[in-house]
Amino acid sequence: MTETAPAPLPYRLLSGPDDRSFCERVSAALAEGYRLHGSPAMAFAGDRVVVAQAVVLPEFAGA
C-alpha cells in the first residue's frame, strides 16, 4: 500500500517565537517554492516576541 503525500497548501501562515527555528521554517517554505505574501507581523506575548509571515504558492497567487 502506497501513501500519497497531501497536496501542498496554496496559502500558509507561519508563526512562532522570533528565533532561528522560525527563520528556518520560512526559509524551508521558500525553498519549496512558496513566496512571501505581505509584510511580517510581530506582537508581544508576555515576555517574548511572536512573529508571523504569510507565504503563497505562485501558481495560486496569480504571480
PDB file of N, CA and C in Angstrom:
ATOM      1  N   MET A   1       0.841  -1.172   0.000  1.00  0.00           N
ATOM      2  CA  MET A   1       0.000   0.000   0.000  1.00  0.00           C
ATOM      3  C   MET A   1       0.895   1.246   0.000  1.00  0.00           C
ATOM      4  N   THR A   2       0.695   2.123  -0.950  1.00  0.00           N
ATOM      5  CA  THR A   2       1.486   3.339  -1.072  1.00  0.00           C
ATOM      6  C   THR A   2       0.666   4.529  -0.604  1.00  0.00           C
ATOM      7  N   GLU A   3       1.257   5.315   0.288  1.00  0.00           N
ATOM      8  CA  GLU A   3       0.581   6.517   0.761  1.00  0.00           C
ATOM      9  C   GLU A   3       0.973   7.690  -0.128  1.00  0.00           C
ATOM     10  N   THR A   4      -0.001   8.509  -0.471  1.00  0.00           N
ATOM     11  CA  THR A   4       0.239   9.685  -1.283  1.00  0.00           C
ATOM     12  C   THR A   4       0.421  10.888  -0.370  1.00  0.00           C
ATOM     13  N   ALA A   5       1.431  11.680  -0.652  1.00  0.00           N
ATOM     14  CA  ALA A   5       1.651  12.891   0.142  1.00  0.00           C
ATOM     15  C   ALA A   5       0.505  13.861  -0.112  1.00  0.00           C
ATOM     16  N   PRO A   6       0.069  14.575   0.916  1.00  0.00           N
ATOM     17  CA  PRO A   6      -1.012  15.542   0.715  1.00  0.00           C
ATOM     18  C   PRO A   6      -0.567  16.660  -0.227  1.00  0.00           C
ATOM     19  N   ALA A   7      -1.528  17.201  -0.954  1.00  0.00           N
ATOM     20  CA  ALA A   7      -1.232  18.306  -1.870  1.00  0.00           C
ATOM     21  C   ALA A   7      -0.759  19.512  -1.060  1.00  0.00           C
ATOM     22  N   PRO A   8       0.176  20.282  -1.603  1.00  0.00           N
ATOM     23  CA  PRO A   8       0.642  21.466  -0.879  1.00  0.00           C
ATOM     24  C   PRO A   8      -0.486  22.491  -0.747  1.00  0.00           C
ATOM     25  N   LEU A   9      -0.490  23.182   0.354  1.00  0.00           N
ATOM     26  CA  LEU A   9      -1.483  24.223   0.576  1.00  0.00           C
ATOM     27  C   LEU A   9      -1.112  25.461  -0.231  1.00  0.00           C
ATOM     28  N   PRO A  10      -2.073  26.107  -0.888  1.00  0.00           N
ATOM     29  CA  PRO A  10      -1.754  27.310  -1.650  1.00  0.00           C
ATOM     30  C   PRO A  10      -1.335  28.472  -0.763  1.00  0.00           C
ATOM     31  N   TYR A  11      -1.821  28.489   0.487  1.00  0.00           N
ATOM     32  CA  TYR A  11      -1.556  29.587   1.417  1.00  0.00           C
ATOM     33  C   TYR A  11      -1.176  28.994   2.760  1.00  0.00           C
ATOM     34  N   ARG A  12      -0.152  29.558   3.370  1.00  0.00           N
ATOM     35  CA  ARG A  12       0.239  29.138   4.725  1.00  0.00           C
ATOM     36  C   ARG A  12       0.587  30.377   5.533  1.00  0.00           C
ATOM     37  N   LEU A  13       0.238  30.354   6.798  1.00  0.00           N
ATOM     38  CA  LEU A  13       0.649  31.400   7.729  1.00  0.00           C
ATOM     39  C   LEU A  13       1.567  30.741   8.742  1.00  0.00           C
ATOM     40  N   LEU A  14       2.833  31.105   8.679  1.00  0.00           N
ATOM     41  CA  LEU A  14       3.820  30.570   9.608  1.00  0.00           C
ATOM     42  C   LEU A  14       3.916  31.519  10.784  1.00  0.00           C
ATOM     43  N   SER A  15       3.924  30.978  11.984  1.00  0.00           N
ATOM     44  CA  SER A  15       4.020  31.835  13.169  1.00  0.00           C
ATOM     45  C   SER A  15       4.799  31.114  14.261  1.00  0.00           C
ATOM     46  N   GLY A  16       5.306  31.898  15.197  1.00  0.00           N
ATOM     47  CA  GLY A  16       6.036  31.328  16.310  1.00  0.00           C
ATOM     48  C   GLY A  16       6.946  32.354  16.941  1.00  0.00           C
ATOM     49  N   PRO A  17       7.726  31.931  17.921  1.00  0.00           N
ATOM     50  CA  PRO A  17       8.676  32.842  18.564  1.00  0.00           C
ATOM     51  C   PRO A  17       9.686  33.374  17.548  1.00  0.00           C
ATOM     52  N   ASP A  18      10.143  34.580  17.771  1.00  0.00           N
ATOM     53  CA  ASP A  18      11.132  35.200  16.883  1.00  0.00           C
ATOM     54  C   ASP A  18      12.500  34.603  17.187  1.00  0.00           C
ATOM     55  N   ASP A  19      12.772  33.446  16.556  1.00  0.00           N
ATOM     56  CA  ASP A  19      14.039  32.761  16.800  1.00  0.00           C
ATOM     57  C   ASP A  19      14.525  32.085  15.507  1.00  0.00           C
ATOM     58  N   ARG A  20      15.631  31.430  15.595  1.00  0.00           N
ATOM     59  CA  ARG A  20      16.223  30.766  14.434  1.00  0.00           C
ATOM     60  C   ARG A  20      15.277  29.731  13.833  1.00  0.00           C
ATOM     61  N   SER A  21      14.565  29.005  14.668  1.00  0.00           N
ATOM     62  CA  SER A  21      13.650  27.978  14.192  1.00  0.00           C
ATOM     63  C   SER A  21      12.582  28.570  13.273  1.00  0.00           C
ATOM     64  N   PHE A  22      12.039  29.725  13.636  1.00  0.00           N
ATOM     65  CA  PHE A  22      11.044  30.380  12.786  1.00  0.00           C
ATOM     66  C   PHE A  22      11.665  30.744  11.441  1.00  0.00           C
ATOM     67  N   CYS A  23      12.845  31.338  11.460  1.00  0.00           N
ATOM     68  CA  CYS A  23      13.524  31.719  10.217  1.00  0.00           C
ATOM     69  C   CYS A  23      13.808  30.489   9.355  1.00  0.00           C
ATOM     70  N   GLU A  24      14.156  29.373   9.970  1.00  0.00           N
ATOM     71  CA  GLU A  24      14.398  28.141   9.224  1.00  0.00           C
ATOM     72  C   GLU A  24      13.112  27.638   8.570  1.00  0.00           C
ATOM     73  N   ARG A  25      11.972  27.765   9.252  1.00  0.00           N
ATOM     74  CA  ARG A  25      10.700  27.327   8.661  1.00  0.00           C
ATOM     75  C   ARG A  25      10.312  28.203   7.481  1.00  0.00           C
ATOM     76  N   VAL A  26      10.518  29.509   7.590  1.00  0.00           N
ATOM     77  CA  VAL A  26      10.236  30.402   6.460  1.00  0.00           C
ATOM     78  C   VAL A  26      11.189  30.083   5.311  1.00  0.00           C
ATOM     79  N   SER A  27      12.460  29.884   5.605  1.00  0.00           N
ATOM     80  CA  SER A  27      13.444  29.544   4.570  1.00  0.00           C
ATOM     81  C   SER A  27      13.082  28.233   3.879  1.00  0.00           C
ATOM     82  N   ALA A  28      12.627  27.248   4.637  1.00  0.00           N
ATOM     83  CA  ALA A  28      12.234  25.959   4.053  1.00  0.00           C
ATOM     84  C   ALA A  28      11.034  26.137   3.128  1.00  0.00           C
ATOM     85  N   ALA A  29      10.070  26.956   3.522  1.00  0.00           N
ATOM     86  CA  ALA A  29       8.909  27.211   2.663  1.00  0.00           C
ATOM     87  C   ALA A  29       9.352  27.874   1.366  1.00  0.00           C
ATOM     88  N   LEU A  30      10.270  28.827   1.448  1.00  0.00           N
ATOM     89  CA  LEU A  30      10.779  29.484   0.244  1.00  0.00           C
ATOM     90  C   LEU A  30      11.482  28.472  -0.666  1.00  0.00           C
ATOM     91  N   ALA A  31      12.239  27.560  -0.085  1.00  0.00           N
ATOM     92  CA  ALA A  31      12.933  26.527  -0.855  1.00  0.00           C
ATOM     93  C   ALA A  31      11.944  25.568  -1.522  1.00  0.00           C
ATOM     94  N   GLU A  32      10.752  25.415  -0.945  1.00  0.00           N
ATOM     95  CA  GLU A  32       9.704  24.557  -1.506  1.00  0.00           C
ATOM     96  C   GLU A  32       8.930  25.259  -2.621  1.00  0.00           C
ATOM     97  N   GLY A  33       9.249  26.513  -2.888  1.00  0.00           N
ATOM     98  CA  GLY A  33       8.578  27.228  -3.966  1.00  0.00           C
ATOM     99  C   GLY A  33       7.596  28.291  -3.517  1.00  0.00           C
ATOM    100  N   TYR A  34       7.374  28.420  -2.217  1.00  0.00           N
ATOM    101  CA  TYR A  34       6.479  29.457  -1.710  1.00  0.00           C
ATOM    102  C   TYR A  34       7.138  30.822  -1.866  1.00  0.00           C
ATOM    103  N   ARG A  35       6.314  31.853  -1.931  1.00  0.00           N
ATOM    104  CA  ARG A  35       6.778  33.237  -1.991  1.00  0.00           C
ATOM    105  C   ARG A  35       6.164  34.000  -0.834  1.00  0.00           C
ATOM    106  N   LEU A  36       6.908  34.973  -0.324  1.00  0.00           N
ATOM    107  CA  LEU A  36       6.384  35.800   0.764  1.00  0.00           C
ATOM    108  C   LEU A  36       5.138  36.528   0.285  1.00  0.00           C
ATOM    109  N   HIS A  37       4.165  36.675   1.179  1.00  0.00           N
ATOM    110  CA  HIS A  37       2.923  37.376   0.852  1.00  0.00           C
ATOM    111  C   HIS A  37       2.678  38.410   1.951  1.00  0.00           C
ATOM    112  N   GLY A  38       2.861  39.661   1.604  1.00  0.00           N
ATOM    113  CA  GLY A  38       2.666  40.710   2.592  1.00  0.00           C
ATOM    114  C   GLY A  38       3.866  40.848   3.510  1.00  0.00           C
ATOM    115  N   SER A  39       3.723  41.732   4.451  1.00  0.00           N
ATOM    116  CA  SER A  39       4.790  42.001   5.417  1.00  0.00           C
ATOM    117  C   SER A  39       4.681  41.063   6.612  1.00  0.00           C
ATOM    118  N   PRO A  40       5.788  40.821   7.287  1.00  0.00           N
ATOM    119  CA  PRO A  40       5.710  40.031   8.515  1.00  0.00           C
ATOM    120  C   PRO A  40       4.992  40.819   9.602  1.00  0.00           C
ATOM    121  N   ALA A  41       4.445  40.111  10.563  1.00  0.00           N
ATOM    122  CA  ALA A  41       3.785  40.730  11.709  1.00  0.00           C
ATOM    123  C   ALA A  41       4.534  40.338  12.970  1.00  0.00           C
ATOM    124  N   MET A  42       4.555  41.254  13.950  1.00  0.00           N
ATOM    125  CA  MET A  42       5.209  40.986  15.229  1.00  0.00           C
ATOM    126  C   MET A  42       4.285  41.423  16.352  1.00  0.00           C
ATOM    127  N   ALA A  43       4.278  40.657  17.432  1.00  0.00           N
ATOM    128  CA  ALA A  43       3.477  41.005  18.607  1.00  0.00           C
ATOM    129  C   ALA A  43       4.193  40.502  19.853  1.00  0.00           C
ATOM    130  N   PHE A  44       3.896  41.117  20.962  1.00  0.00           N
ATOM    131  CA  PHE A  44       4.445  40.653  22.229  1.00  0.00           C
ATOM    132  C   PHE A  44       3.465  39.701  22.883  1.00  0.00           C
ATOM    133  N   ALA A  45       3.966  38.597  23.399  1.00  0.00           N
ATOM    134  CA  ALA A  45       3.177  37.619  24.140  1.00  0.00           C
ATOM    135  C   ALA A  45       3.887  37.419  25.472  1.00  0.00           C
ATOM    136  N   GLY A  46       3.514  38.216  26.439  1.00  0.00           N
ATOM    137  CA  GLY A  46       4.204  38.147  27.720  1.00  0.00           C
ATOM    138  C   GLY A  46       5.586  38.746  27.594  1.00  0.00           C
ATOM    139  N   ASP A  47       6.602  37.912  27.771  1.00  0.00           N
ATOM    140  CA  ASP A  47       7.983  38.390  27.714  1.00  0.00           C
ATOM    141  C   ASP A  47       8.706  37.985  26.430  1.00  0.00           C
ATOM    142  N   ARG A  48       7.963  37.532  25.419  1.00  0.00           N
ATOM    143  CA  ARG A  48       8.616  37.133  24.175  1.00  0.00           C
ATOM    144  C   ARG A  48       7.919  37.761  22.974  1.00  0.00           C
ATOM    145  N   VAL A  49       8.651  37.829  21.882  1.00  0.00           N
ATOM    146  CA  VAL A  49       8.113  38.357  20.629  1.00  0.00           C
ATOM    147  C   VAL A  49       7.650  37.174  19.776  1.00  0.00           C
ATOM    148  N   VAL A  50       6.436  37.277  19.254  1.00  0.00           N
ATOM    149  CA  VAL A  50       5.886  36.272  18.353  1.00  0.00           C
ATOM    150  C   VAL A  50       5.786  36.914  16.976  1.00  0.00           C
ATOM    151  N   VAL A  51       6.189  36.177  15.942  1.00  0.00           N
ATOM    152  CA  VAL A  51       6.178  36.694  14.580  1.00  0.00           C
ATOM    153  C   VAL A  51       5.318  35.800  13.690  1.00  0.00           C
ATOM    154  N   ALA A  52       4.878  36.378  12.574  1.00  0.00           N
ATOM    155  CA  ALA A  52       4.089  35.626  11.602  1.00  0.00           C
ATOM    156  C   ALA A  52       4.445  36.111  10.206  1.00  0.00           C
ATOM    157  N   GLN A  53       4.424  35.187   9.261  1.00  0.00           N
ATOM    158  CA  GLN A  53       4.668  35.529   7.854  1.00  0.00           C
ATOM    159  C   GLN A  53       3.792  34.643   6.987  1.00  0.00           C
ATOM    160  N   ALA A  54       3.016  35.265   6.107  1.00  0.00           N
ATOM    161  CA  ALA A  54       2.220  34.524   5.149  1.00  0.00           C
ATOM    162  C   ALA A  54       3.080  34.167   3.948  1.00  0.00           C
ATOM    163  N   VAL A  55       2.850  32.971   3.405  1.00  0.00           N
ATOM    164  CA  VAL A  55       3.517  32.527   2.191  1.00  0.00           C
ATOM    165  C   VAL A  55       2.478  31.913   1.269  1.00  0.00           C
ATOM    166  N   VAL A  56       2.673  32.060  -0.043  1.00  0.00           N
ATOM    167  CA  VAL A  56       1.752  31.507  -1.035  1.00  0.00           C
ATOM    168  C   VAL A  56       2.543  30.818  -2.141  1.00  0.00           C
ATOM    169  N   LEU A  57       1.910  29.865  -2.778  1.00  0.00           N
ATOM    170  CA  LEU A  57       2.491  29.263  -3.967  1.00  0.00           C
ATOM    171  C   LEU A  57       2.134  30.134  -5.157  1.00  0.00           C
ATOM    172  N   PRO A  58       3.108  30.496  -5.992  1.00  0.00           N
ATOM    173  CA  PRO A  58       2.857  31.434  -7.095  1.00  0.00           C
ATOM    174  C   PRO A  58       1.710  31.029  -8.021  1.00  0.00           C
ATOM    175  N   GLU A  59       1.556  29.729  -8.296  1.00  0.00           N
ATOM    176  CA  GLU A  59       0.509  29.313  -9.242  1.00  0.00           C
ATOM    177  C   GLU A  59      -0.903  29.580  -8.718  1.00  0.00           C
ATOM    178  N   PHE A  60      -1.042  29.784  -7.414  1.00  0.00           N
ATOM    179  CA  PHE A  60      -2.352  30.092  -6.830  1.00  0.00           C
ATOM    180  C   PHE A  60      -2.514  31.579  -6.565  1.00  0.00           C
ATOM    181  N   ALA A  61      -1.426  32.327  -6.628  1.00  0.00           N
ATOM    182  CA  ALA A  61      -1.465  33.759  -6.295  1.00  0.00           C
ATOM    183  C   ALA A  61      -1.502  34.630  -7.535  1.00  0.00           C
ATOM    184  N   GLY A  62      -1.505  34.041  -8.701  1.00  0.00           N
ATOM    185  CA  GLY A  62      -1.501  34.807  -9.933  1.00  0.00           C
ATOM    186  C   GLY A  62      -0.167  35.461 -10.229  1.00  0.00           C
ATOM    187  N   ALA A  63       0.900  34.975  -9.557  1.00  0.00           N
ATOM    188  CA  ALA A  63       2.230  35.556  -9.753  1.00  0.00           C
ATOM    189  C   ALA A  63       2.926  34.920 -10.934  1.00  0.00           C
TER     190      ALA A  63
END
